[in-house]
């Protein structure tokens, strides 16, 4: 799921169910579409990784984005801020103060 090109079809195939059924289930029970849920999962993983000072000391925001499957820094920042209320840089800075 941390591949930039991960798609709903891959998850549906792994689960052995049709794409449409997976999409419908995510919308009905999760209240979100696949790409919103995938983005949120990736941001949660980025946050987890960014709490490790050794990890963030050797990576740029662009690198972190790519490692969790988001191609561009601007897209990563937008998703990250929407999910956490902070930019990735603000999140890292806040973590280093605590």
PDB file of N, CA and C in Angstrom:
ATOM      1  N   UNK A   1       0.813  -1.216   0.000  1.00  0.00           N
ATOM      2  CA  UNK A   1       0.000   0.000   0.000  1.00  0.00           C
ATOM      3  C   UNK A   1       0.847   1.268   0.000  1.00  0.00           C
ATOM      4  N   UNK A   2       2.154   1.105   0.164  1.00  0.00           N
ATOM      5  CA  UNK A   2       3.026   2.272   0.143  1.00  0.00           C
ATOM      6  C   UNK A   2       3.645   2.503  -1.232  1.00  0.00           C
ATOM      7  N   UNK A   3       3.138   1.806  -2.225  1.00  0.00           N
ATOM      8  CA  UNK A   3       3.537   2.056  -3.600  1.00  0.00           C
ATOM      9  C   UNK A   3       2.715   3.241  -4.112  1.00  0.00           C
ATOM     10  N   UNK A   4       3.364   4.159  -4.795  1.00  0.00           N
ATOM     11  CA  UNK A   4       2.664   5.340  -5.317  1.00  0.00           C
ATOM     12  C   UNK A   4       1.529   4.960  -6.270  1.00  0.00           C
ATOM     13  N   UNK A   5       1.623   3.785  -6.868  1.00  0.00           N
ATOM     14  CA  UNK A   5       0.643   3.373  -7.862  1.00  0.00           C
ATOM     15  C   UNK A   5      -0.368   2.362  -7.328  1.00  0.00           C
ATOM     16  N   UNK A   6      -0.482   2.217  -6.009  1.00  0.00           N
ATOM     17  CA  UNK A   6      -1.412   1.248  -5.424  1.00  0.00           C
ATOM     18  C   UNK A   6      -2.843   1.652  -5.756  1.00  0.00           C
ATOM     19  N   UNK A   7      -3.619   0.687  -6.192  1.00  0.00           N
ATOM     20  CA  UNK A   7      -4.979   0.975  -6.656  1.00  0.00           C
ATOM     21  C   UNK A   7      -6.004   0.070  -5.973  1.00  0.00           C
ATOM     22  N   UNK A   8      -7.231   0.510  -6.037  1.00  0.00           N
ATOM     23  CA  UNK A   8      -8.362  -0.248  -5.503  1.00  0.00           C
ATOM     24  C   UNK A   8      -8.378  -1.660  -6.071  1.00  0.00           C
ATOM     25  N   UNK A   9      -8.078  -1.798  -7.353  1.00  0.00           N
ATOM     26  CA  UNK A   9      -8.109  -3.118  -7.991  1.00  0.00           C
ATOM     27  C   UNK A   9      -7.126  -4.085  -7.324  1.00  0.00           C
ATOM     28  N   UNK A  10      -5.986  -3.589  -6.876  1.00  0.00           N
ATOM     29  CA  UNK A  10      -5.003  -4.453  -6.222  1.00  0.00           C
ATOM     30  C   UNK A  10      -5.537  -4.974  -4.886  1.00  0.00           C
ATOM     31  N   UNK A  11      -6.170  -4.106  -4.120  1.00  0.00           N
ATOM     32  CA  UNK A  11      -6.731  -4.522  -2.841  1.00  0.00           C
ATOM     33  C   UNK A  11      -7.889  -5.498  -3.068  1.00  0.00           C
ATOM     34  N   UNK A  12      -8.745  -5.193  -4.022  1.00  0.00           N
ATOM     35  CA  UNK A  12      -9.877  -6.079  -4.322  1.00  0.00           C
ATOM     36  C   UNK A  12      -9.381  -7.460  -4.738  1.00  0.00           C
ATOM     37  N   UNK A  13      -8.361  -7.504  -5.563  1.00  0.00           N
ATOM     38  CA  UNK A  13      -7.790  -8.779  -5.999  1.00  0.00           C
ATOM     39  C   UNK A  13      -7.213  -9.538  -4.805  1.00  0.00           C
ATOM     40  N   UNK A  14      -6.481  -8.834  -3.942  1.00  0.00           N
ATOM     41  CA  UNK A  14      -5.899  -9.475  -2.753  1.00  0.00           C
ATOM     42  C   UNK A  14      -6.975 -10.043  -1.837  1.00  0.00           C
ATOM     43  N   UNK A  15      -8.117  -9.362  -1.770  1.00  0.00           N
ATOM     44  CA  UNK A  15      -9.219  -9.814  -0.924  1.00  0.00           C
ATOM     45  C   UNK A  15     -10.127 -10.826  -1.617  1.00  0.00           C
ATOM     46  N   UNK A  16      -9.961 -10.941  -2.940  1.00  0.00           N
ATOM     47  CA  UNK A  16     -10.772 -11.879  -3.712  1.00  0.00           C
ATOM     48  C   UNK A  16     -12.209 -11.440  -3.900  1.00  0.00           C
ATOM     49  N   UNK A  17     -12.404 -10.121  -3.987  1.00  0.00           N
ATOM     50  CA  UNK A  17     -13.760  -9.606  -4.207  1.00  0.00           C
ATOM     51  C   UNK A  17     -13.762  -8.634  -5.377  1.00  0.00           C
ATOM     52  N   UNK A  18     -14.916  -8.439  -6.009  1.00  0.00           N
ATOM     53  CA  UNK A  18     -14.989  -7.492  -7.128  1.00  0.00           C
ATOM     54  C   UNK A  18     -14.714  -6.051  -6.667  1.00  0.00           C
ATOM     55  N   UNK A  19     -14.118  -5.280  -7.545  1.00  0.00           N
ATOM     56  CA  UNK A  19     -13.803  -3.870  -7.264  1.00  0.00           C
ATOM     57  C   UNK A  19     -15.024  -3.103  -6.767  1.00  0.00           C
ATOM     58  N   UNK A  20     -16.147  -3.309  -7.454  1.00  0.00           N
ATOM     59  CA  UNK A  20     -17.355  -2.564  -7.129  1.00  0.00           C
ATOM     60  C   UNK A  20     -17.845  -2.869  -5.711  1.00  0.00           C
ATOM     61  N   UNK A  21     -17.744  -4.134  -5.303  1.00  0.00           N
ATOM     62  CA  UNK A  21     -18.183  -4.504  -3.955  1.00  0.00           C
ATOM     63  C   UNK A  21     -17.290  -3.866  -2.901  1.00  0.00           C
ATOM     64  N   UNK A  22     -15.993  -3.870  -3.141  1.00  0.00           N
ATOM     65  CA  UNK A  22     -15.063  -3.249  -2.198  1.00  0.00           C
ATOM     66  C   UNK A  22     -15.325  -1.750  -2.102  1.00  0.00           C
ATOM     67  N   UNK A  23     -15.469  -1.113  -3.234  1.00  0.00           N
ATOM     68  CA  UNK A  23     -15.721   0.326  -3.258  1.00  0.00           C
ATOM     69  C   UNK A  23     -17.011   0.666  -2.515  1.00  0.00           C
ATOM     70  N   UNK A  24     -18.055  -0.092  -2.775  1.00  0.00           N
ATOM     71  CA  UNK A  24     -19.337   0.140  -2.127  1.00  0.00           C
ATOM     72  C   UNK A  24     -19.225  -0.081  -0.617  1.00  0.00           C
ATOM     73  N   UNK A  25     -18.542  -1.129  -0.205  1.00  0.00           N
ATOM     74  CA  UNK A  25     -18.392  -1.419   1.224  1.00  0.00           C
ATOM     75  C   UNK A  25     -17.619  -0.303   1.927  1.00  0.00           C
ATOM     76  N   UNK A  26     -16.562   0.166   1.304  1.00  0.00           N
ATOM     77  CA  UNK A  26     -15.779   1.254   1.909  1.00  0.00           C
ATOM     78  C   UNK A  26     -16.623   2.509   2.074  1.00  0.00           C
ATOM     79  N   UNK A  27     -17.403   2.819   1.051  1.00  0.00           N
ATOM     80  CA  UNK A  27     -18.248   4.006   1.111  1.00  0.00           C
ATOM     81  C   UNK A  27     -19.359   3.864   2.153  1.00  0.00           C
ATOM     82  N   UNK A  28     -19.989   2.705   2.173  1.00  0.00           N
ATOM     83  CA  UNK A  28     -21.122   2.505   3.078  1.00  0.00           C
ATOM     84  C   UNK A  28     -20.695   2.345   4.532  1.00  0.00           C
ATOM     85  N   UNK A  29     -19.656   1.567   4.771  1.00  0.00           N
ATOM     86  CA  UNK A  29     -19.266   1.265   6.153  1.00  0.00           C
ATOM     87  C   UNK A  29     -18.145   2.159   6.659  1.00  0.00           C
ATOM     88  N   UNK A  30     -17.302   2.616   5.758  1.00  0.00           N
ATOM     89  CA  UNK A  30     -16.209   3.489   6.160  1.00  0.00           C
ATOM     90  C   UNK A  30     -16.541   4.962   5.988  1.00  0.00           C
ATOM     91  N   UNK A  31     -17.558   5.226   5.189  1.00  0.00           N
ATOM     92  CA  UNK A  31     -17.971   6.596   4.961  1.00  0.00           C
ATOM     93  C   UNK A  31     -17.023   7.399   4.084  1.00  0.00           C
ATOM     94  N   UNK A  32     -16.069   6.714   3.462  1.00  0.00           N
ATOM     95  CA  UNK A  32     -15.088   7.392   2.615  1.00  0.00           C
ATOM     96  C   UNK A  32     -14.755   6.508   1.428  1.00  0.00           C
ATOM     97  N   UNK A  33     -14.233   7.140   0.383  1.00  0.00           N
ATOM     98  CA  UNK A  33     -13.825   6.335  -0.757  1.00  0.00           C
ATOM     99  C   UNK A  33     -12.427   5.762  -0.520  1.00  0.00           C
ATOM    100  N   UNK A  34     -12.040   4.835  -1.381  1.00  0.00           N
ATOM    101  CA  UNK A  34     -10.766   4.133  -1.242  1.00  0.00           C
ATOM    102  C   UNK A  34      -9.589   5.098  -1.159  1.00  0.00           C
ATOM    103  N   UNK A  35      -9.550   6.093  -2.030  1.00  0.00           N
ATOM    104  CA  UNK A  35      -8.384   6.970  -2.077  1.00  0.00           C
ATOM    105  C   UNK A  35      -8.289   7.881  -0.851  1.00  0.00           C
ATOM    106  N   UNK A  36      -9.415   8.261  -0.288  1.00  0.00           N
ATOM    107  CA  UNK A  36      -9.396   9.039   0.953  1.00  0.00           C
ATOM    108  C   UNK A  36      -8.874   8.179   2.096  1.00  0.00           C
ATOM    109  N   UNK A  37      -9.380   6.959   2.197  1.00  0.00           N
ATOM    110  CA  UNK A  37      -8.915   6.050   3.242  1.00  0.00           C
ATOM    111  C   UNK A  37      -7.440   5.704   3.083  1.00  0.00           C
ATOM    112  N   UNK A  38      -7.011   5.473   1.854  1.00  0.00           N
ATOM    113  CA  UNK A  38      -5.607   5.164   1.587  1.00  0.00           C
ATOM    114  C   UNK A  38      -4.728   6.340   1.986  1.00  0.00           C
ATOM    115  N   UNK A  39      -5.142   7.556   1.623  1.00  0.00           N
ATOM    116  CA  UNK A  39      -4.375   8.746   1.990  1.00  0.00           C
ATOM    117  C   UNK A  39      -4.270   8.903   3.492  1.00  0.00           C
ATOM    118  N   UNK A  40      -5.372   8.680   4.199  1.00  0.00           N
ATOM    119  CA  UNK A  40      -5.350   8.795   5.660  1.00  0.00           C
ATOM    120  C   UNK A  40      -4.447   7.738   6.286  1.00  0.00           C
ATOM    121  N   UNK A  41      -4.490   6.527   5.768  1.00  0.00           N
ATOM    122  CA  UNK A  41      -3.621   5.469   6.283  1.00  0.00           C
ATOM    123  C   UNK A  41      -2.154   5.837   6.068  1.00  0.00           C
ATOM    124  N   UNK A  42      -1.858   6.353   4.890  1.00  0.00           N
ATOM    125  CA  UNK A  42      -0.483   6.744   4.588  1.00  0.00           C
ATOM    126  C   UNK A  42      -0.021   7.888   5.492  1.00  0.00           C
ATOM    127  N   UNK A  43      -0.900   8.824   5.784  1.00  0.00           N
ATOM    128  CA  UNK A  43      -0.530   9.936   6.668  1.00  0.00           C
ATOM    129  C   UNK A  43      -0.323   9.427   8.086  1.00  0.00           C
ATOM    130  N   UNK A  44      -1.162   8.526   8.553  1.00  0.00           N
ATOM    131  CA  UNK A  44      -0.951   7.934   9.890  1.00  0.00           C
ATOM    132  C   UNK A  44       0.413   7.255   9.954  1.00  0.00           C
ATOM    133  N   UNK A  45       0.776   6.553   8.896  1.00  0.00           N
ATOM    134  CA  UNK A  45       2.079   5.892   8.859  1.00  0.00           C
ATOM    135  C   UNK A  45       3.207   6.924   8.825  1.00  0.00           C
ATOM    136  N   UNK A  46       3.029   7.981   8.057  1.00  0.00           N
ATOM    137  CA  UNK A  46       4.042   9.043   8.023  1.00  0.00           C
ATOM    138  C   UNK A  46       4.216   9.647   9.413  1.00  0.00           C
ATOM    139  N   UNK A  47       3.116   9.910  10.108  1.00  0.00           N
ATOM    140  CA  UNK A  47       3.184  10.465  11.468  1.00  0.00           C
ATOM    141  C   UNK A  47       3.934   9.522  12.399  1.00  0.00           C
ATOM    142  N   UNK A  48       3.631   8.244  12.290  1.00  0.00           N
ATOM    143  CA  UNK A  48       4.307   7.251  13.132  1.00  0.00           C
ATOM    144  C   UNK A  48       5.815   7.290  12.881  1.00  0.00           C
ATOM    145  N   UNK A  49       6.179   7.316  11.620  1.00  0.00           N
ATOM    146  CA  UNK A  49       7.600   7.338  11.260  1.00  0.00           C
ATOM    147  C   UNK A  49       8.266   8.641  11.697  1.00  0.00           C
ATOM    148  N   UNK A  50       7.536   9.742  11.576  1.00  0.00           N
ATOM    149  CA  UNK A  50       8.115  11.058  11.881  1.00  0.00           C
ATOM    150  C   UNK A  50       8.306  11.286  13.382  1.00  0.00           C
ATOM    151  N   UNK A  51       7.792  10.404  14.202  1.00  0.00           N
ATOM    152  CA  UNK A  51       8.028  10.504  15.634  1.00  0.00           C
ATOM    153  C   UNK A  51       9.377   9.916  16.030  1.00  0.00           C
ATOM    154  N   UNK A  52      10.028   9.265  15.079  1.00  0.00           N
ATOM    155  CA  UNK A  52      11.357   8.696  15.293  1.00  0.00           C
ATOM    156  C   UNK A  52      12.405   9.728  14.862  1.00  0.00           C
ATOM    157  N   UNK A  53      13.104  10.298  15.827  1.00  0.00           N
ATOM    158  CA  UNK A  53      14.075  11.359  15.535  1.00  0.00           C
ATOM    159  C   UNK A  53      15.186  10.887  14.597  1.00  0.00           C
ATOM    160  N   UNK A  54      15.609   9.640  14.721  1.00  0.00           N
ATOM    161  CA  UNK A  54      16.632   9.118  13.811  1.00  0.00           C
ATOM    162  C   UNK A  54      16.101   9.045  12.387  1.00  0.00           C
ATOM    163  N   UNK A  55      14.836   8.663  12.242  1.00  0.00           N
ATOM    164  CA  UNK A  55      14.217   8.568  10.925  1.00  0.00           C
ATOM    165  C   UNK A  55      14.148   9.938  10.265  1.00  0.00           C
ATOM    166  N   UNK A  56      13.600  10.913  10.964  1.00  0.00           N
ATOM    167  CA  UNK A  56      13.426  12.225  10.332  1.00  0.00           C
ATOM    168  C   UNK A  56      14.742  12.976  10.152  1.00  0.00           C
ATOM    169  N   UNK A  57      15.761  12.610  10.920  1.00  0.00           N
ATOM    170  CA  UNK A  57      17.044  13.305  10.776  1.00  0.00           C
ATOM    171  C   UNK A  57      17.749  12.949   9.473  1.00  0.00           C
ATOM    172  N   UNK A  58      17.314  11.867   8.834  1.00  0.00           N
ATOM    173  CA  UNK A  58      17.978  11.422   7.601  1.00  0.00           C
ATOM    174  C   UNK A  58      17.087  11.531   6.372  1.00  0.00           C
ATOM    175  N   UNK A  59      15.936  12.220   6.508  1.00  0.00           N
ATOM    176  CA  UNK A  59      15.005  12.297   5.389  1.00  0.00           C
ATOM    177  C   UNK A  59      14.438  13.691   5.206  1.00  0.00           C
ATOM    178  N   UNK A  60      14.120  13.977   3.956  1.00  0.00           N
ATOM    179  CA  UNK A  60      13.415  15.216   3.647  1.00  0.00           C
ATOM    180  C   UNK A  60      11.917  14.922   3.642  1.00  0.00           C
ATOM    181  N   UNK A  61      11.111  15.962   3.622  1.00  0.00           N
ATOM    182  CA  UNK A  61       9.663  15.774   3.534  1.00  0.00           C
ATOM    183  C   UNK A  61       9.322  15.029   2.241  1.00  0.00           C
ATOM    184  N   UNK A  62      10.007  15.349   1.147  1.00  0.00           N
ATOM    185  CA  UNK A  62       9.769  14.661  -0.128  1.00  0.00           C
ATOM    186  C   UNK A  62      10.042  13.163  -0.004  1.00  0.00           C
ATOM    187  N   UNK A  63      11.123  12.814   0.670  1.00  0.00           N
ATOM    188  CA  UNK A  63      11.476  11.409   0.839  1.00  0.00           C
ATOM    189  C   UNK A  63      10.433  10.681   1.675  1.00  0.00           C
ATOM    190  N   UNK A  64      10.004  11.309   2.753  1.00  0.00           N
ATOM    191  CA  UNK A  64       8.967  10.708   3.601  1.00  0.00           C
ATOM    192  C   UNK A  64       7.702  10.477   2.786  1.00  0.00           C
ATOM    193  N   UNK A  65       7.314  11.471   2.004  1.00  0.00           N
ATOM    194  CA  UNK A  65       6.118  11.344   1.164  1.00  0.00           C
ATOM    195  C   UNK A  65       6.236  10.135   0.243  1.00  0.00           C
ATOM    196  N   UNK A  66       7.360  10.027  -0.432  1.00  0.00           N
ATOM    197  CA  UNK A  66       7.547   8.919  -1.368  1.00  0.00           C
ATOM    198  C   UNK A  66       7.570   7.574  -0.657  1.00  0.00           C
ATOM    199  N   UNK A  67       8.149   7.528   0.548  1.00  0.00           N
ATOM    200  CA  UNK A  67       8.227   6.269   1.283  1.00  0.00           C
ATOM    201  C   UNK A  67       6.861   5.767   1.744  1.00  0.00           C
ATOM    202  N   UNK A  68       5.895   6.666   1.896  1.00  0.00           N
ATOM    203  CA  UNK A  68       4.543   6.228   2.273  1.00  0.00           C
ATOM    204  C   UNK A  68       3.604   6.182   1.073  1.00  0.00           C
ATOM    205  N   UNK A  69       4.136   6.432  -0.128  1.00  0.00           N
ATOM    206  CA  UNK A  69       3.356   6.233  -1.343  1.00  0.00           C
ATOM    207  C   UNK A  69       2.726   7.465  -1.956  1.00  0.00           C
ATOM    208  N   UNK A  70       3.188   8.648  -1.575  1.00  0.00           N
ATOM    209  CA  UNK A  70       2.638   9.883  -2.146  1.00  0.00           C
ATOM    210  C   UNK A  70       3.737  10.526  -2.982  1.00  0.00           C
ATOM    211  N   UNK A  71       3.423  10.750  -4.258  1.00  0.00           N
ATOM    212  CA  UNK A  71       4.455  11.157  -5.219  1.00  0.00           C
ATOM    213  C   UNK A  71       5.023  12.555  -5.009  1.00  0.00           C
ATOM    214  N   UNK A  72       4.189  13.523  -4.699  1.00  0.00           N
ATOM    215  CA  UNK A  72       4.685  14.900  -4.657  1.00  0.00           C
ATOM    216  C   UNK A  72       4.591  15.501  -3.262  1.00  0.00           C
ATOM    217  N   UNK A  73       5.501  16.407  -2.990  1.00  0.00           N
ATOM    218  CA  UNK A  73       5.498  17.092  -1.697  1.00  0.00           C
ATOM    219  C   UNK A  73       4.217  17.908  -1.524  1.00  0.00           C
ATOM    220  N   UNK A  74       3.779  18.571  -2.583  1.00  0.00           N
ATOM    221  CA  UNK A  74       2.589  19.420  -2.459  1.00  0.00           C
ATOM    222  C   UNK A  74       1.344  18.588  -2.150  1.00  0.00           C
ATOM    223  N   UNK A  75       1.208  17.439  -2.785  1.00  0.00           N
ATOM    224  CA  UNK A  75       0.077  16.558  -2.507  1.00  0.00           C
ATOM    225  C   UNK A  75       0.172  16.002  -1.083  1.00  0.00           C
ATOM    226  N   UNK A  76       1.362  15.593  -0.688  1.00  0.00           N
ATOM    227  CA  UNK A  76       1.598  15.088   0.664  1.00  0.00           C
ATOM    228  C   UNK A  76       1.239  16.156   1.693  1.00  0.00           C
ATOM    229  N   UNK A  77       1.708  17.378   1.467  1.00  0.00           N
ATOM    230  CA  UNK A  77       1.435  18.473   2.407  1.00  0.00           C
ATOM    231  C   UNK A  77      -0.061  18.739   2.509  1.00  0.00           C
ATOM    232  N   UNK A  78      -0.752  18.751   1.383  1.00  0.00           N
ATOM    233  CA  UNK A  78      -2.198  19.010   1.392  1.00  0.00           C
ATOM    234  C   UNK A  78      -2.957  17.925   2.149  1.00  0.00           C
ATOM    235  N   UNK A  79      -2.652  16.663   1.873  1.00  0.00           N
ATOM    236  CA  UNK A  79      -3.319  15.556   2.554  1.00  0.00           C
ATOM    237  C   UNK A  79      -2.961  15.571   4.040  1.00  0.00           C
ATOM    238  N   UNK A  80      -1.694  15.789   4.331  1.00  0.00           N
ATOM    239  CA  UNK A  80      -1.213  15.800   5.710  1.00  0.00           C
ATOM    240  C   UNK A  80      -1.907  16.890   6.520  1.00  0.00           C
ATOM    241  N   UNK A  81      -1.967  18.093   5.953  1.00  0.00           N
ATOM    242  CA  UNK A  81      -2.586  19.214   6.667  1.00  0.00           C
ATOM    243  C   UNK A  81      -4.083  18.987   6.851  1.00  0.00           C
ATOM    244  N   UNK A  82      -4.729  18.435   5.854  1.00  0.00           N
ATOM    245  CA  UNK A  82      -6.155  18.139   5.966  1.00  0.00           C
ATOM    246  C   UNK A  82      -6.417  17.124   7.080  1.00  0.00           C
ATOM    247  N   UNK A  83      -5.534  16.165   7.225  1.00  0.00           N
ATOM    248  CA  UNK A  83      -5.715  15.092   8.204  1.00  0.00           C
ATOM    249  C   UNK A  83      -5.272  15.503   9.617  1.00  0.00           C
ATOM    250  N   UNK A  84      -4.166  16.246   9.724  1.00  0.00           N
ATOM    251  CA  UNK A  84      -3.607  16.564  11.055  1.00  0.00           C
ATOM    252  C   UNK A  84      -3.810  18.006  11.489  1.00  0.00           C
ATOM    253  N   UNK A  85      -4.091  18.900  10.527  1.00  0.00           N
ATOM    254  CA  UNK A  85      -4.193  20.319  10.849  1.00  0.00           C
ATOM    255  C   UNK A  85      -2.856  21.036  10.812  1.00  0.00           C
ATOM    256  N   UNK A  86      -1.787  20.294  10.549  1.00  0.00           N
ATOM    257  CA  UNK A  86      -0.439  20.854  10.471  1.00  0.00           C
ATOM    258  C   UNK A  86       0.214  20.452   9.159  1.00  0.00           C
ATOM    259  N   UNK A  87       1.192  21.224   8.733  1.00  0.00           N
ATOM    260  CA  UNK A  87       2.006  20.777   7.607  1.00  0.00           C
ATOM    261  C   UNK A  87       2.999  19.744   8.141  1.00  0.00           C
ATOM    262  N   UNK A  88       3.601  18.946   7.275  1.00  0.00           N
ATOM    263  CA  UNK A  88       4.599  17.991   7.759  1.00  0.00           C
ATOM    264  C   UNK A  88       5.738  18.682   8.524  1.00  0.00           C
ATOM    265  N   UNK A  89       6.198  19.812   8.024  1.00  0.00           N
ATOM    266  CA  UNK A  89       7.283  20.536   8.705  1.00  0.00           C
ATOM    267  C   UNK A  89       6.858  21.012  10.085  1.00  0.00           C
ATOM    268  N   UNK A  90       5.632  21.507  10.198  1.00  0.00           N
ATOM    269  CA  UNK A  90       5.113  21.926  11.507  1.00  0.00           C
ATOM    270  C   UNK A  90       5.001  20.730  12.449  1.00  0.00           C
ATOM    271  N   UNK A  91       4.568  19.607  11.923  1.00  0.00           N
ATOM    272  CA  UNK A  91       4.425  18.395  12.724  1.00  0.00           C
ATOM    273  C   UNK A  91       5.788  17.958  13.258  1.00  0.00           C
ATOM    274  N   UNK A  92       6.792  17.952  12.390  1.00  0.00           N
ATOM    275  CA  UNK A  92       8.147  17.558  12.796  1.00  0.00           C
ATOM    276  C   UNK A  92       8.666  18.518  13.852  1.00  0.00           C
ATOM    277  N   UNK A  93       8.478  19.804  13.611  1.00  0.00           N
ATOM    278  CA  UNK A  93       8.949  20.822  14.567  1.00  0.00           C
ATOM    279  C   UNK A  93       8.256  20.677  15.914  1.00  0.00           C
ATOM    280  N   UNK A  94       6.960  20.455  15.896  1.00  0.00           N
ATOM    281  CA  UNK A  94       6.210  20.287  17.146  1.00  0.00           C
ATOM    282  C   UNK A  94       6.698  19.052  17.909  1.00  0.00           C
ATOM    283  N   UNK A  95       7.045  17.998  17.176  1.00  0.00           N
ATOM    284  CA  UNK A  95       7.541  16.785  17.806  1.00  0.00           C
ATOM    285  C   UNK A  95       8.911  16.954  18.422  1.00  0.00           C
ATOM    286  N   UNK A  96       9.718  17.816  17.814  1.00  0.00           N
ATOM    287  CA  UNK A  96      11.065  18.025  18.358  1.00  0.00           C
ATOM    288  C   UNK A  96      11.049  18.930  19.579  1.00  0.00           C
ATOM    289  N   UNK A  97       9.943  19.625  19.793  1.00  0.00           N
ATOM    290  CA  UNK A  97       9.840  20.526  20.956  1.00  0.00           C
ATOM    291  C   UNK A  97       9.352  19.774  22.193  1.00  0.00           C
ATOM    292  N   UNK A  98       8.715  18.620  21.955  1.00  0.00           N
ATOM    293  CA  UNK A  98       8.110  17.905  23.073  1.00  0.00           C
ATOM    294  C   UNK A  98       8.969  16.868  23.694  1.00  0.00           C
TER     295      UNK A  98
END
